[in-house]
Amino acid sequence: MPDTVRSPELWPRLKHEARLFLKHEAAIKHYLQADADYIALCHWNTNIDNGWFWRDEDDELQCGLMDWGRVRQLNLTFAIWGCLNAAPFKLWDEHLEELLQLFVEEYHEHGGPLLDTA
């Protein structure tokens, strides 16, 4: 585990922030569900094994969804979290902003609104 997770400072902070989260859970849910721009039909973890890909007769990339469990309209952050939560810490530390920016650009290019990565 990285030093930040093993540090003694983490546990008091986590205890404090977990309590804050519980105290403000309803407001957080409202925030995550209030803006339709951030809601889409998603699988909760967006892992690559939930779909299959092929090229059609015009060489256009197509995609099928084979894991419909937990597919629903949800805030995109849940899907992104589900996808990245098993990634190595180095990926988060070195590429998180880049990955979020790529997601926002691709989402917008394919018909979604232009989102703010913050």
PDB file of N, CA and C in Angstrom:
ATOM      1  N   MET A   1       0.848  -1.184   0.000  1.00  0.00           N
ATOM      2  CA  MET A   1       0.000   0.000   0.000  1.00  0.00           C
ATOM      3  C   MET A   1       0.889   1.241   0.000  1.00  0.00           C
ATOM      4  N   PRO A   2       0.419   2.305  -0.655  1.00  0.00           N
ATOM      5  CA  PRO A   2       1.226   3.532  -0.679  1.00  0.00           C
ATOM      6  C   PRO A   2       1.290   4.171   0.702  1.00  0.00           C
ATOM      7  N   ASP A   3       2.288   5.024   0.885  1.00  0.00           N
ATOM      8  CA  ASP A   3       2.494   5.688   2.175  1.00  0.00           C
ATOM      9  C   ASP A   3       1.257   6.444   2.641  1.00  0.00           C
ATOM     10  N   THR A   4       0.525   7.069   1.721  1.00  0.00           N
ATOM     11  CA  THR A   4      -0.649   7.857   2.119  1.00  0.00           C
ATOM     12  C   THR A   4      -1.722   7.007   2.783  1.00  0.00           C
ATOM     13  N   VAL A   5      -1.813   5.744   2.405  1.00  0.00           N
ATOM     14  CA  VAL A   5      -2.817   4.854   2.987  1.00  0.00           C
ATOM     15  C   VAL A   5      -2.307   4.245   4.295  1.00  0.00           C
ATOM     16  N   ARG A   6      -1.007   4.128   4.436  1.00  0.00           N
ATOM     17  CA  ARG A   6      -0.428   3.545   5.642  1.00  0.00           C
ATOM     18  C   ARG A   6      -0.131   4.595   6.709  1.00  0.00           C
ATOM     19  N   SER A   7      -0.282   5.858   6.394  1.00  0.00           N
ATOM     20  CA  SER A   7       0.099   6.898   7.350  1.00  0.00           C
ATOM     21  C   SER A   7      -0.873   6.946   8.528  1.00  0.00           C
ATOM     22  N   PRO A   8      -0.373   7.233   9.712  1.00  0.00           N
ATOM     23  CA  PRO A   8      -1.249   7.315  10.887  1.00  0.00           C
ATOM     24  C   PRO A   8      -2.244   8.473  10.794  1.00  0.00           C
ATOM     25  N   GLU A   9      -1.952   9.467   9.957  1.00  0.00           N
ATOM     26  CA  GLU A   9      -2.860  10.601   9.800  1.00  0.00           C
ATOM     27  C   GLU A   9      -4.137  10.236   9.060  1.00  0.00           C
ATOM     28  N   LEU A  10      -4.098   9.150   8.281  1.00  0.00           N
ATOM     29  CA  LEU A  10      -5.256   8.780   7.477  1.00  0.00           C
ATOM     30  C   LEU A  10      -6.459   8.425   8.340  1.00  0.00           C
ATOM     31  N   TRP A  11      -6.271   7.638   9.381  1.00  0.00           N
ATOM     32  CA  TRP A  11      -7.400   7.082  10.121  1.00  0.00           C
ATOM     33  C   TRP A  11      -8.231   8.134  10.854  1.00  0.00           C
ATOM     34  N   PRO A  12      -7.643   9.098  11.543  1.00  0.00           N
ATOM     35  CA  PRO A  12      -8.486  10.147  12.133  1.00  0.00           C
ATOM     36  C   PRO A  12      -9.220  10.967  11.067  1.00  0.00           C
ATOM     37  N   ARG A  13      -8.540  11.221   9.949  1.00  0.00           N
ATOM     38  CA  ARG A  13      -9.181  11.960   8.847  1.00  0.00           C
ATOM     39  C   ARG A  13     -10.342  11.161   8.273  1.00  0.00           C
ATOM     40  N   LEU A  14     -10.119   9.875   8.034  1.00  0.00           N
ATOM     41  CA  LEU A  14     -11.173   9.027   7.492  1.00  0.00           C
ATOM     42  C   LEU A  14     -12.369   8.967   8.437  1.00  0.00           C
ATOM     43  N   LYS A  15     -12.112   8.833   9.714  1.00  0.00           N
ATOM     44  CA  LYS A  15     -13.186   8.804  10.709  1.00  0.00           C
ATOM     45  C   LYS A  15     -13.997  10.102  10.657  1.00  0.00           C
ATOM     46  N   HIS A  16     -13.317  11.230  10.576  1.00  0.00           N
ATOM     47  CA  HIS A  16     -13.987  12.540  10.514  1.00  0.00           C
ATOM     48  C   HIS A  16     -14.798  12.675   9.219  1.00  0.00           C
ATOM     49  N   GLU A  17     -14.172  12.336   8.092  1.00  0.00           N
ATOM     50  CA  GLU A  17     -14.841  12.503   6.799  1.00  0.00           C
ATOM     51  C   GLU A  17     -15.991  11.525   6.617  1.00  0.00           C
ATOM     52  N   ALA A  18     -15.875  10.317   7.146  1.00  0.00           N
ATOM     53  CA  ALA A  18     -16.987   9.357   7.065  1.00  0.00           C
ATOM     54  C   ALA A  18     -18.194   9.888   7.827  1.00  0.00           C
ATOM     55  N   ARG A  19     -17.955  10.473   8.981  1.00  0.00           N
ATOM     56  CA  ARG A  19     -19.065  11.056   9.743  1.00  0.00           C
ATOM     57  C   ARG A  19     -19.676  12.242   9.000  1.00  0.00           C
ATOM     58  N   LEU A  20     -18.835  13.069   8.377  1.00  0.00           N
ATOM     59  CA  LEU A  20     -19.351  14.188   7.590  1.00  0.00           C
ATOM     60  C   LEU A  20     -20.211  13.690   6.434  1.00  0.00           C
ATOM     61  N   PHE A  21     -19.737  12.635   5.783  1.00  0.00           N
ATOM     62  CA  PHE A  21     -20.493  12.064   4.670  1.00  0.00           C
ATOM     63  C   PHE A  21     -21.868  11.607   5.141  1.00  0.00           C
ATOM     64  N   LEU A  22     -21.911  10.869   6.235  1.00  0.00           N
ATOM     65  CA  LEU A  22     -23.193  10.382   6.754  1.00  0.00           C
ATOM     66  C   LEU A  22     -24.108  11.548   7.131  1.00  0.00           C
ATOM     67  N   LYS A  23     -23.545  12.582   7.717  1.00  0.00           N
ATOM     68  CA  LYS A  23     -24.331  13.749   8.116  1.00  0.00           C
ATOM     69  C   LYS A  23     -24.947  14.446   6.907  1.00  0.00           C
ATOM     70  N   HIS A  24     -24.222  14.457   5.796  1.00  0.00           N
ATOM     71  CA  HIS A  24     -24.658  15.194   4.604  1.00  0.00           C
ATOM     72  C   HIS A  24     -25.058  14.273   3.446  1.00  0.00           C
ATOM     73  N   GLU A  25     -25.356  13.018   3.750  1.00  0.00           N
ATOM     74  CA  GLU A  25     -25.649  12.040   2.708  1.00  0.00           C
ATOM     75  C   GLU A  25     -26.803  12.470   1.805  1.00  0.00           C
ATOM     76  N   ALA A  26     -27.867  12.982   2.363  1.00  0.00           N
ATOM     77  CA  ALA A  26     -29.023  13.395   1.542  1.00  0.00           C
ATOM     78  C   ALA A  26     -28.641  14.526   0.597  1.00  0.00           C
ATOM     79  N   ALA A  27     -27.879  15.489   1.077  1.00  0.00           N
ATOM     80  CA  ALA A  27     -27.452  16.608   0.222  1.00  0.00           C
ATOM     81  C   ALA A  27     -26.512  16.117  -0.875  1.00  0.00           C
ATOM     82  N   ILE A  28     -25.649  15.172  -0.559  1.00  0.00           N
ATOM     83  CA  ILE A  28     -24.735  14.620  -1.559  1.00  0.00           C
ATOM     84  C   ILE A  28     -25.526  13.881  -2.631  1.00  0.00           C
ATOM     85  N   LYS A  29     -26.475  13.053  -2.225  1.00  0.00           N
ATOM     86  CA  LYS A  29     -27.323  12.346  -3.197  1.00  0.00           C
ATOM     87  C   LYS A  29     -28.061  13.336  -4.091  1.00  0.00           C
ATOM     88  N   HIS A  30     -28.610  14.381  -3.500  1.00  0.00           N
ATOM     89  CA  HIS A  30     -29.318  15.389  -4.288  1.00  0.00           C
ATOM     90  C   HIS A  30     -28.372  16.029  -5.309  1.00  0.00           C
ATOM     91  N   TYR A  31     -27.187  16.387  -4.871  1.00  0.00           N
ATOM     92  CA  TYR A  31     -26.204  17.003  -5.769  1.00  0.00           C
ATOM     93  C   TYR A  31     -25.867  16.066  -6.933  1.00  0.00           C
ATOM     94  N   LEU A  32     -25.649  14.786  -6.630  1.00  0.00           N
ATOM     95  CA  LEU A  32     -25.268  13.834  -7.661  1.00  0.00           C
ATOM     96  C   LEU A  32     -26.405  13.523  -8.633  1.00  0.00           C
ATOM     97  N   GLN A  33     -27.649  13.711  -8.211  1.00  0.00           N
ATOM     98  CA  GLN A  33     -28.785  13.359  -9.055  1.00  0.00           C
ATOM     99  C   GLN A  33     -29.521  14.559  -9.642  1.00  0.00           C
ATOM    100  N   ALA A  34     -29.143  15.766  -9.256  1.00  0.00           N
ATOM    101  CA  ALA A  34     -29.911  16.944  -9.647  1.00  0.00           C
ATOM    102  C   ALA A  34     -29.613  17.450 -11.050  1.00  0.00           C
ATOM    103  N   ASP A  35     -28.412  17.265 -11.542  1.00  0.00           N
ATOM    104  CA  ASP A  35     -28.029  17.809 -12.839  1.00  0.00           C
ATOM    105  C   ASP A  35     -28.066  16.696 -13.885  1.00  0.00           C
ATOM    106  N   ALA A  36     -29.045  16.748 -14.774  1.00  0.00           N
ATOM    107  CA  ALA A  36     -29.238  15.699 -15.783  1.00  0.00           C
ATOM    108  C   ALA A  36     -28.036  15.548 -16.709  1.00  0.00           C
ATOM    109  N   ASP A  37     -27.194  16.577 -16.824  1.00  0.00           N
ATOM    110  CA  ASP A  37     -26.006  16.467 -17.670  1.00  0.00           C
ATOM    111  C   ASP A  37     -25.055  15.379 -17.187  1.00  0.00           C
ATOM    112  N   TYR A  38     -25.105  15.072 -15.917  1.00  0.00           N
ATOM    113  CA  TYR A  38     -24.194  14.102 -15.335  1.00  0.00           C
ATOM    114  C   TYR A  38     -24.839  12.728 -15.148  1.00  0.00           C
ATOM    115  N   ILE A  39     -26.025  12.535 -15.692  1.00  0.00           N
ATOM    116  CA  ILE A  39     -26.749  11.272 -15.578  1.00  0.00           C
ATOM    117  C   ILE A  39     -26.778  10.598 -16.950  1.00  0.00           C
ATOM    118  N   ALA A  40     -26.464   9.309 -16.978  1.00  0.00           N
ATOM    119  CA  ALA A  40     -26.507   8.566 -18.238  1.00  0.00           C
ATOM    120  C   ALA A  40     -26.824   7.104 -17.931  1.00  0.00           C
ATOM    121  N   LEU A  41     -27.215   6.370 -18.954  1.00  0.00           N
ATOM    122  CA  LEU A  41     -27.414   4.935 -18.824  1.00  0.00           C
ATOM    123  C   LEU A  41     -26.032   4.300 -18.764  1.00  0.00           C
ATOM    124  N   CYS A  42     -25.706   3.692 -17.638  1.00  0.00           N
ATOM    125  CA  CYS A  42     -24.355   3.151 -17.426  1.00  0.00           C
ATOM    126  C   CYS A  42     -24.422   1.828 -16.685  1.00  0.00           C
ATOM    127  N   HIS A  43     -23.396   1.059 -16.866  1.00  0.00           N
ATOM    128  CA  HIS A  43     -23.137  -0.055 -15.970  1.00  0.00           C
ATOM    129  C   HIS A  43     -22.376   0.534 -14.798  1.00  0.00           C
ATOM    130  N   TRP A  44     -22.605   0.037 -13.614  1.00  0.00           N
ATOM    131  CA  TRP A  44     -22.049   0.675 -12.427  1.00  0.00           C
ATOM    132  C   TRP A  44     -20.532   0.647 -12.369  1.00  0.00           C
ATOM    133  N   ASN A  45     -19.872  -0.250 -13.118  1.00  0.00           N
ATOM    134  CA  ASN A  45     -18.417  -0.229 -13.056  1.00  0.00           C
ATOM    135  C   ASN A  45     -17.733  -0.012 -14.401  1.00  0.00           C
ATOM    136  N   THR A  46     -18.461   0.051 -15.476  1.00  0.00           N
ATOM    137  CA  THR A  46     -17.930   0.344 -16.815  1.00  0.00           C
ATOM    138  C   THR A  46     -16.668  -0.428 -17.176  1.00  0.00           C
ATOM    139  N   ASN A  47     -16.494  -1.616 -16.632  1.00  0.00           N
ATOM    140  CA  ASN A  47     -15.323  -2.413 -16.993  1.00  0.00           C
ATOM    141  C   ASN A  47     -15.461  -2.946 -18.409  1.00  0.00           C
ATOM    142  N   ILE A  48     -14.334  -3.139 -19.043  1.00  0.00           N
ATOM    143  CA  ILE A  48     -14.300  -3.570 -20.439  1.00  0.00           C
ATOM    144  C   ILE A  48     -14.976  -4.926 -20.634  1.00  0.00           C
ATOM    145  N   ASP A  49     -15.026  -5.758 -19.584  1.00  0.00           N
ATOM    146  CA  ASP A  49     -15.619  -7.085 -19.736  1.00  0.00           C
ATOM    147  C   ASP A  49     -17.144  -7.051 -19.754  1.00  0.00           C
ATOM    148  N   ASN A  50     -17.748  -5.887 -19.654  1.00  0.00           N
ATOM    149  CA  ASN A  50     -19.200  -5.772 -19.717  1.00  0.00           C
ATOM    150  C   ASN A  50     -19.716  -5.663 -21.150  1.00  0.00           C
ATOM    151  N   GLY A  51     -18.821  -5.577 -22.104  1.00  0.00           N
ATOM    152  CA  GLY A  51     -19.260  -5.404 -23.483  1.00  0.00           C
ATOM    153  C   GLY A  51     -18.383  -6.178 -24.448  1.00  0.00           C
ATOM    154  N   TRP A  52     -18.802  -6.145 -25.678  1.00  0.00           N
ATOM    155  CA  TRP A  52     -17.971  -6.694 -26.735  1.00  0.00           C
ATOM    156  C   TRP A  52     -18.012  -5.711 -27.889  1.00  0.00           C
ATOM    157  N   PHE A  53     -16.987  -5.784 -28.728  1.00  0.00           N
ATOM    158  CA  PHE A  53     -16.788  -4.793 -29.776  1.00  0.00           C
ATOM    159  C   PHE A  53     -16.507  -5.484 -31.102  1.00  0.00           C
ATOM    160  N   TRP A  54     -16.963  -4.869 -32.189  1.00  0.00           N
ATOM    161  CA  TRP A  54     -16.712  -5.393 -33.523  1.00  0.00           C
ATOM    162  C   TRP A  54     -16.830  -4.246 -34.513  1.00  0.00           C
ATOM    163  N   ARG A  55     -16.370  -4.496 -35.699  1.00  0.00           N
ATOM    164  CA  ARG A  55     -16.504  -3.518 -36.780  1.00  0.00           C
ATOM    165  C   ARG A  55     -17.567  -4.019 -37.744  1.00  0.00           C
ATOM    166  N   ASP A  56     -18.451  -3.128 -38.136  1.00  0.00           N
ATOM    167  CA  ASP A  56     -19.521  -3.510 -39.066  1.00  0.00           C
ATOM    168  C   ASP A  56     -19.019  -3.477 -40.504  1.00  0.00           C
ATOM    169  N   GLU A  57     -19.944  -3.669 -41.450  1.00  0.00           N
ATOM    170  CA  GLU A  57     -19.571  -3.729 -42.867  1.00  0.00           C
ATOM    171  C   GLU A  57     -18.957  -2.439 -43.395  1.00  0.00           C
ATOM    172  N   ASP A  58     -19.199  -1.307 -42.707  1.00  0.00           N
ATOM    173  CA  ASP A  58     -18.596  -0.022 -43.081  1.00  0.00           C
ATOM    174  C   ASP A  58     -17.353   0.282 -42.256  1.00  0.00           C
ATOM    175  N   ASP A  59     -16.863  -0.705 -41.536  1.00  0.00           N
ATOM    176  CA  ASP A  59     -15.689  -0.587 -40.671  1.00  0.00           C
ATOM    177  C   ASP A  59     -15.896   0.378 -39.508  1.00  0.00           C
ATOM    178  N   GLU A  60     -17.157   0.605 -39.146  1.00  0.00           N
ATOM    179  CA  GLU A  60     -17.477   1.431 -37.979  1.00  0.00           C
ATOM    180  C   GLU A  60     -17.436   0.557 -36.733  1.00  0.00           C
ATOM    181  N   LEU A  61     -16.830   1.067 -35.689  1.00  0.00           N
ATOM    182  CA  LEU A  61     -16.752   0.324 -34.441  1.00  0.00           C
ATOM    183  C   LEU A  61     -18.130   0.255 -33.802  1.00  0.00           C
ATOM    184  N   GLN A  62     -18.544  -0.944 -33.420  1.00  0.00           N
ATOM    185  CA  GLN A  62     -19.821  -1.175 -32.760  1.00  0.00           C
ATOM    186  C   GLN A  62     -19.556  -1.783 -31.387  1.00  0.00           C
ATOM    187  N   CYS A  63     -20.527  -1.676 -30.513  1.00  0.00           N
ATOM    188  CA  CYS A  63     -20.373  -2.201 -29.162  1.00  0.00           C
ATOM    189  C   CYS A  63     -21.674  -2.839 -28.716  1.00  0.00           C
ATOM    190  N   GLY A  64     -21.579  -3.957 -28.046  1.00  0.00           N
ATOM    191  CA  GLY A  64     -22.734  -4.609 -27.444  1.00  0.00           C
ATOM    192  C   GLY A  64     -22.518  -4.719 -25.943  1.00  0.00           C
ATOM    193  N   LEU A  65     -23.594  -4.726 -25.212  1.00  0.00           N
ATOM    194  CA  LEU A  65     -23.519  -4.836 -23.755  1.00  0.00           C
ATOM    195  C   LEU A  65     -24.012  -6.208 -23.347  1.00  0.00           C
ATOM    196  N   MET A  66     -23.189  -6.973 -22.629  1.00  0.00           N
ATOM    197  CA  MET A  66     -23.614  -8.305 -22.250  1.00  0.00           C
ATOM    198  C   MET A  66     -23.868  -8.441 -20.758  1.00  0.00           C
ATOM    199  N   ASP A  67     -23.417  -7.528 -19.952  1.00  0.00           N
ATOM    200  CA  ASP A  67     -23.671  -7.586 -18.515  1.00  0.00           C
ATOM    201  C   ASP A  67     -24.658  -6.477 -18.167  1.00  0.00           C
ATOM    202  N   TRP A  68     -25.926  -6.822 -18.070  1.00  0.00           N
ATOM    203  CA  TRP A  68     -26.963  -5.831 -17.784  1.00  0.00           C
ATOM    204  C   TRP A  68     -27.219  -5.674 -16.287  1.00  0.00           C
ATOM    205  N   GLY A  69     -26.515  -6.459 -15.471  1.00  0.00           N
ATOM    206  CA  GLY A  69     -26.674  -6.315 -14.031  1.00  0.00           C
ATOM    207  C   GLY A  69     -26.202  -4.937 -13.580  1.00  0.00           C
ATOM    208  N   ARG A  70     -26.999  -4.259 -12.830  1.00  0.00           N
ATOM    209  CA  ARG A  70     -26.698  -2.935 -12.289  1.00  0.00           C
ATOM    210  C   ARG A  70     -26.631  -1.845 -13.366  1.00  0.00           C
ATOM    211  N   VAL A  71     -27.131  -2.116 -14.574  1.00  0.00           N
ATOM    212  CA  VAL A  71     -27.232  -1.067 -15.594  1.00  0.00           C
ATOM    213  C   VAL A  71     -28.461  -0.237 -15.287  1.00  0.00           C
ATOM    214  N   ARG A  72     -28.277   1.070 -15.243  1.00  0.00           N
ATOM    215  CA  ARG A  72     -29.388   1.982 -14.987  1.00  0.00           C
ATOM    216  C   ARG A  72     -28.909   3.404 -15.229  1.00  0.00           C
ATOM    217  N   GLN A  73     -29.829   4.329 -15.107  1.00  0.00           N
ATOM    218  CA  GLN A  73     -29.439   5.730 -15.172  1.00  0.00           C
ATOM    219  C   GLN A  73     -28.779   6.093 -13.843  1.00  0.00           C
ATOM    220  N   LEU A  74     -27.580   6.597 -13.927  1.00  0.00           N
ATOM    221  CA  LEU A  74     -26.869   6.977 -12.708  1.00  0.00           C
ATOM    222  C   LEU A  74     -25.873   8.081 -13.010  1.00  0.00           C
ATOM    223  N   ASN A  75     -25.387   8.680 -11.953  1.00  0.00           N
ATOM    224  CA  ASN A  75     -24.390   9.730 -12.108  1.00  0.00           C
ATOM    225  C   ASN A  75     -23.118   9.118 -12.676  1.00  0.00           C
ATOM    226  N   LEU A  76     -22.554   9.786 -13.655  1.00  0.00           N
ATOM    227  CA  LEU A  76     -21.373   9.264 -14.332  1.00  0.00           C
ATOM    228  C   LEU A  76     -20.203   9.013 -13.382  1.00  0.00           C
ATOM    229  N   THR A  77     -20.143   9.737 -12.284  1.00  0.00           N
ATOM    230  CA  THR A  77     -19.033   9.534 -11.353  1.00  0.00           C
ATOM    231  C   THR A  77     -19.055   8.132 -10.760  1.00  0.00           C
ATOM    232  N   PHE A  78     -20.231   7.539 -10.584  1.00  0.00           N
ATOM    233  CA  PHE A  78     -20.292   6.164 -10.082  1.00  0.00           C
ATOM    234  C   PHE A  78     -19.663   5.202 -11.080  1.00  0.00           C
ATOM    235  N   ALA A  79     -19.964   5.398 -12.358  1.00  0.00           N
ATOM    236  CA  ALA A  79     -19.411   4.529 -13.388  1.00  0.00           C
ATOM    237  C   ALA A  79     -17.900   4.715 -13.501  1.00  0.00           C
ATOM    238  N   ILE A  80     -17.446   5.956 -13.445  1.00  0.00           N
ATOM    239  CA  ILE A  80     -16.004   6.211 -13.522  1.00  0.00           C
ATOM    240  C   ILE A  80     -15.305   5.610 -12.306  1.00  0.00           C
ATOM    241  N   TRP A  81     -15.879   5.807 -11.127  1.00  0.00           N
ATOM    242  CA  TRP A  81     -15.296   5.215  -9.919  1.00  0.00           C
ATOM    243  C   TRP A  81     -15.244   3.698 -10.041  1.00  0.00           C
ATOM    244  N   GLY A  82     -16.321   3.092 -10.516  1.00  0.00           N
ATOM    245  CA  GLY A  82     -16.351   1.650 -10.658  1.00  0.00           C
ATOM    246  C   GLY A  82     -15.281   1.143 -11.607  1.00  0.00           C
ATOM    247  N   CYS A  83     -15.001   1.926 -12.622  1.00  0.00           N
ATOM    248  CA  CYS A  83     -13.977   1.548 -13.592  1.00  0.00           C
ATOM    249  C   CYS A  83     -12.573   1.707 -13.016  1.00  0.00           C
ATOM    250  N   LEU A  84     -12.328   2.777 -12.287  1.00  0.00           N
ATOM    251  CA  LEU A  84     -10.969   3.088 -11.836  1.00  0.00           C
ATOM    252  C   LEU A  84     -10.620   2.547 -10.455  1.00  0.00           C
ATOM    253  N   ASN A  85     -11.598   2.050  -9.696  1.00  0.00           N
ATOM    254  CA  ASN A  85     -11.298   1.693  -8.309  1.00  0.00           C
ATOM    255  C   ASN A  85     -10.302   0.552  -8.162  1.00  0.00           C
ATOM    256  N   ALA A  86     -10.135  -0.273  -9.167  1.00  0.00           N
ATOM    257  CA  ALA A  86      -9.176  -1.363  -9.084  1.00  0.00           C
ATOM    258  C   ALA A  86      -7.853  -1.036  -9.777  1.00  0.00           C
ATOM    259  N   ALA A  87      -7.751   0.178 -10.272  1.00  0.00           N
ATOM    260  CA  ALA A  87      -6.526   0.577 -10.970  1.00  0.00           C
ATOM    261  C   ALA A  87      -5.375   0.739  -9.978  1.00  0.00           C
ATOM    262  N   PRO A  88      -4.164   0.525 -10.430  1.00  0.00           N
ATOM    263  CA  PRO A  88      -3.013   0.723  -9.541  1.00  0.00           C
ATOM    264  C   PRO A  88      -2.948   2.173  -9.055  1.00  0.00           C
ATOM    265  N   PHE A  89      -2.442   2.353  -7.843  1.00  0.00           N
ATOM    266  CA  PHE A  89      -2.345   3.697  -7.275  1.00  0.00           C
ATOM    267  C   PHE A  89      -1.532   4.627  -8.167  1.00  0.00           C
ATOM    268  N   LYS A  90      -0.515   4.085  -8.825  1.00  0.00           N
ATOM    269  CA  LYS A  90       0.331   4.895  -9.704  1.00  0.00           C
ATOM    270  C   LYS A  90      -0.498   5.531 -10.825  1.00  0.00           C
ATOM    271  N   LEU A  91      -1.464   4.793 -11.343  1.00  0.00           N
ATOM    272  CA  LEU A  91      -2.329   5.332 -12.387  1.00  0.00           C
ATOM    273  C   LEU A  91      -3.105   6.540 -11.866  1.00  0.00           C
ATOM    274  N   TRP A  92      -3.662   6.413 -10.659  1.00  0.00           N
ATOM    275  CA  TRP A  92      -4.391   7.531 -10.053  1.00  0.00           C
ATOM    276  C   TRP A  92      -3.456   8.727  -9.853  1.00  0.00           C
ATOM    277  N   ASP A  93      -2.291   8.453  -9.290  1.00  0.00           N
ATOM    278  CA  ASP A  93      -1.363   9.531  -8.966  1.00  0.00           C
ATOM    279  C   ASP A  93      -0.842  10.249 -10.203  1.00  0.00           C
ATOM    280  N   GLU A  94      -0.612   9.514 -11.267  1.00  0.00           N
ATOM    281  CA  GLU A  94       0.043  10.098 -12.437  1.00  0.00           C
ATOM    282  C   GLU A  94      -0.888  10.436 -13.589  1.00  0.00           C
ATOM    283  N   HIS A  95      -2.102   9.866 -13.620  1.00  0.00           N
ATOM    284  CA  HIS A  95      -2.921  10.033 -14.823  1.00  0.00           C
ATOM    285  C   HIS A  95      -4.396  10.361 -14.583  1.00  0.00           C
ATOM    286  N   LEU A  96      -4.803  10.579 -13.348  1.00  0.00           N
ATOM    287  CA  LEU A  96      -6.230  10.778 -13.083  1.00  0.00           C
ATOM    288  C   LEU A  96      -6.792  11.966 -13.859  1.00  0.00           C
ATOM    289  N   GLU A  97      -6.154  13.103 -13.783  1.00  0.00           N
ATOM    290  CA  GLU A  97      -6.672  14.285 -14.481  1.00  0.00           C
ATOM    291  C   GLU A  97      -6.733  14.053 -15.985  1.00  0.00           C
ATOM    292  N   GLU A  98      -5.728  13.417 -16.517  1.00  0.00           N
ATOM    293  CA  GLU A  98      -5.690  13.104 -17.944  1.00  0.00           C
ATOM    294  C   GLU A  98      -6.837  12.171 -18.333  1.00  0.00           C
ATOM    295  N   LEU A  99      -7.092  11.148 -17.532  1.00  0.00           N
ATOM    296  CA  LEU A  99      -8.181  10.209 -17.812  1.00  0.00           C
ATOM    297  C   LEU A  99      -9.548  10.878 -17.714  1.00  0.00           C
ATOM    298  N   LEU A 100      -9.731  11.710 -16.700  1.00  0.00           N
ATOM    299  CA  LEU A 100     -11.002  12.423 -16.566  1.00  0.00           C
ATOM    300  C   LEU A 100     -11.221  13.367 -17.744  1.00  0.00           C
ATOM    301  N   GLN A 101     -10.171  14.071 -18.157  1.00  0.00           N
ATOM    302  CA  GLN A 101     -10.292  14.976 -19.297  1.00  0.00           C
ATOM    303  C   GLN A 101     -10.626  14.204 -20.569  1.00  0.00           C
ATOM    304  N   LEU A 102      -9.997  13.060 -20.765  1.00  0.00           N
ATOM    305  CA  LEU A 102     -10.300  12.223 -21.929  1.00  0.00           C
ATOM    306  C   LEU A 102     -11.751  11.769 -21.900  1.00  0.00           C
ATOM    307  N   PHE A 103     -12.234  11.357 -20.742  1.00  0.00           N
ATOM    308  CA  PHE A 103     -13.633  10.941 -20.622  1.00  0.00           C
ATOM    309  C   PHE A 103     -14.563  12.088 -21.005  1.00  0.00           C
ATOM    310  N   VAL A 104     -14.316  13.269 -20.460  1.00  0.00           N
ATOM    311  CA  VAL A 104     -15.163  14.432 -20.733  1.00  0.00           C
ATOM    312  C   VAL A 104     -15.167  14.752 -22.229  1.00  0.00           C
ATOM    313  N   GLU A 105     -14.013  14.711 -22.848  1.00  0.00           N
ATOM    314  CA  GLU A 105     -13.925  14.997 -24.289  1.00  0.00           C
ATOM    315  C   GLU A 105     -14.671  13.956 -25.115  1.00  0.00           C
ATOM    316  N   GLU A 106     -14.487  12.687 -24.806  1.00  0.00           N
ATOM    317  CA  GLU A 106     -15.162  11.619 -25.553  1.00  0.00           C
ATOM    318  C   GLU A 106     -16.673  11.661 -25.344  1.00  0.00           C
ATOM    319  N   TYR A 107     -17.080  11.898 -24.130  1.00  0.00           N
ATOM    320  CA  TYR A 107     -18.511  12.001 -23.812  1.00  0.00           C
ATOM    321  C   TYR A 107     -19.149  13.123 -24.623  1.00  0.00           C
ATOM    322  N   HIS A 108     -18.476  14.255 -24.659  1.00  0.00           N
ATOM    323  CA  HIS A 108     -18.988  15.410 -25.410  1.00  0.00           C
ATOM    324  C   HIS A 108     -18.974  15.136 -26.919  1.00  0.00           C
ATOM    325  N   GLU A 109     -17.887  14.557 -27.397  1.00  0.00           N
ATOM    326  CA  GLU A 109     -17.775  14.277 -28.837  1.00  0.00           C
ATOM    327  C   GLU A 109     -18.861  13.317 -29.319  1.00  0.00           C
ATOM    328  N   HIS A 110     -19.363  12.470 -28.422  1.00  0.00           N
ATOM    329  CA  HIS A 110     -20.363  11.481 -28.802  1.00  0.00           C
ATOM    330  C   HIS A 110     -21.760  11.850 -28.344  1.00  0.00           C
ATOM    331  N   GLY A 111     -21.989  13.145 -28.172  1.00  0.00           N
ATOM    332  CA  GLY A 111     -23.363  13.621 -27.943  1.00  0.00           C
ATOM    333  C   GLY A 111     -23.687  14.091 -26.553  1.00  0.00           C
ATOM    334  N   GLY A 112     -22.812  13.865 -25.599  1.00  0.00           N
ATOM    335  CA  GLY A 112     -23.069  14.333 -24.236  1.00  0.00           C
ATOM    336  C   GLY A 112     -22.727  15.806 -24.084  1.00  0.00           C
ATOM    337  N   PRO A 113     -23.186  16.420 -23.029  1.00  0.00           N
ATOM    338  CA  PRO A 113     -22.819  17.807 -22.772  1.00  0.00           C
ATOM    339  C   PRO A 113     -21.353  17.905 -22.374  1.00  0.00           C
ATOM    340  N   LEU A 114     -20.782  19.087 -22.505  1.00  0.00           N
ATOM    341  CA  LEU A 114     -19.405  19.312 -22.080  1.00  0.00           C
ATOM    342  C   LEU A 114     -19.392  19.468 -20.559  1.00  0.00           C
ATOM    343  N   LEU A 115     -18.753  18.535 -19.879  1.00  0.00           N
ATOM    344  CA  LEU A 115     -18.758  18.507 -18.420  1.00  0.00           C
ATOM    345  C   LEU A 115     -17.496  19.139 -17.853  1.00  0.00           C
ATOM    346  N   ASP A 116     -17.574  19.468 -16.577  1.00  0.00           N
ATOM    347  CA  ASP A 116     -16.436  20.010 -15.844  1.00  0.00           C
ATOM    348  C   ASP A 116     -15.813  18.868 -15.050  1.00  0.00           C
ATOM    349  N   THR A 117     -14.535  18.591 -15.244  1.00  0.00           N
ATOM    350  CA  THR A 117     -13.899  17.470 -14.544  1.00  0.00           C
ATOM    351  C   THR A 117     -13.851  17.688 -13.037  1.00  0.00           C
ATOM    352  N   ALA A 118     -13.910  18.921 -12.605  1.00  0.00           N
ATOM    353  CA  ALA A 118     -13.908  19.162 -11.148  1.00  0.00           C
ATOM    354  C   ALA A 118     -15.165  18.572 -10.531  1.00  0.00           C
TER     355      ALA A 118
END
